[in-house]
Amino acid sequence: EFLEQHKTMFIADISPMPVVIRNTFALPDLKKSPFSVLLIYDKKLANRIKPKENSDNIILVLLKDKKVTDIKVIHNIQEAF
């Protein structure tokens, strides 16, 4: 409900994942997810939105009319709102 209430989507970068692992384990698990997941297969696209710092933080990509307006790195969900 959280994602829908906040008009957000979960995006997963699966570009570095080996195809066998992706197809055998990751995709079947993602299909069982109770929410939609947008998958990034393209390394070039994934690199465009990755932060320069290597972290496990949340990357928030803001869109307006299907165009990226801002990319923020946040440490917790409270920073998003």
Protein backbone atom coordinates (compact mmCIF):
# COMPACT_ATOMS: atom_id res chain seq x y z
CA GLU A 1 0.00 0.00 0.00
CA PHE A 2 2.87 2.37 0.74
CA LEU A 3 4.09 2.54 -2.85
CA GLU A 4 0.62 3.11 -4.24
CA GLN A 5 -0.28 5.73 -1.63
CA HIS A 6 2.83 7.73 -2.45
CA LYS A 7 2.60 7.27 -6.22
CA THR A 8 5.96 5.49 -6.28
CA MET A 9 7.44 2.44 -7.97
CA PHE A 10 10.09 0.01 -6.85
CA ILE A 11 12.94 -0.18 -9.38
CA ALA A 12 15.50 -2.98 -9.30
CA ASP A 13 18.80 -2.89 -11.18
CA ILE A 14 19.36 -6.45 -12.36
CA SER A 15 21.87 -5.52 -15.06
CA PRO A 16 24.93 -6.97 -13.29
CA MET A 17 23.17 -10.24 -12.52
CA PRO A 18 24.22 -13.31 -14.57
CA VAL A 19 21.40 -14.40 -16.90
CA VAL A 20 21.16 -17.90 -15.41
CA ILE A 21 20.79 -16.54 -11.87
CA ARG A 22 18.37 -13.84 -13.02
CA ASN A 23 16.10 -16.23 -14.91
CA THR A 24 16.29 -19.10 -12.42
CA PHE A 25 15.99 -17.26 -9.11
CA ALA A 26 15.44 -13.50 -9.30
CA LEU A 27 12.63 -13.21 -11.84
CA PRO A 28 10.45 -15.97 -10.35
CA ASP A 29 10.80 -14.35 -6.91
CA LEU A 30 10.00 -10.90 -8.26
CA LYS A 31 6.87 -12.23 -9.96
CA LYS A 32 5.59 -13.32 -6.52
CA SER A 33 6.00 -9.79 -5.18
CA PRO A 34 2.77 -8.14 -3.99
CA PHE A 35 3.74 -4.96 -5.89
CA SER A 36 5.00 -4.14 -9.36
CA VAL A 37 8.74 -3.94 -9.87
CA LEU A 38 10.32 -2.02 -12.73
CA LEU A 39 13.48 -3.85 -13.83
CA ILE A 40 16.59 -2.26 -15.30
CA TYR A 41 18.43 -4.65 -17.61
CA ASP A 42 20.66 -2.05 -19.30
CA LYS A 43 23.97 -1.23 -17.54
CA LYS A 44 24.18 2.18 -19.23
CA LEU A 45 20.77 3.17 -17.92
CA ALA A 46 21.57 1.85 -14.45
CA ASN A 47 24.80 3.85 -14.35
CA ARG A 48 22.93 7.06 -15.16
CA ILE A 49 20.93 6.90 -11.95
CA LYS A 50 23.48 5.35 -9.58
CA PRO A 51 24.96 7.72 -7.01
CA LYS A 52 28.69 8.33 -7.07
CA GLU A 53 28.99 7.04 -3.52
CA ASN A 54 28.77 3.30 -3.03
CA SER A 55 26.00 2.77 -0.51
CA ASP A 56 22.87 0.87 0.38
CA ASN A 57 20.84 4.05 0.54
CA ILE A 58 17.59 4.68 -1.29
CA ILE A 59 17.86 6.36 -4.68
CA LEU A 60 14.82 8.54 -5.30
CA VAL A 61 14.23 9.43 -8.94
CA LEU A 62 11.65 12.19 -9.38
CA LEU A 63 9.70 12.36 -12.63
CA LYS A 64 7.41 14.91 -14.20
CA ASP A 65 5.67 14.10 -17.47
CA LYS A 66 7.85 10.96 -17.75
CA LYS A 67 11.07 13.00 -17.57
CA VAL A 68 13.63 12.85 -14.78
CA THR A 69 13.58 16.11 -12.84
CA ASP A 70 15.83 15.16 -9.94
CA ILE A 71 17.79 12.26 -8.45
CA LYS A 72 18.29 12.20 -4.68
CA VAL A 73 20.11 9.80 -2.40
CA ILE A 74 18.23 9.41 0.86
CA HIS A 75 19.13 7.47 3.99
CA ASN A 76 15.63 6.74 5.22
CA ILE A 77 12.08 7.07 4.01
CA GLN A 78 11.38 10.16 6.14
CA GLU A 79 13.83 12.15 3.99
CA ALA A 80 11.71 11.49 0.91
CA PHE A 81 8.72 13.41 2.22
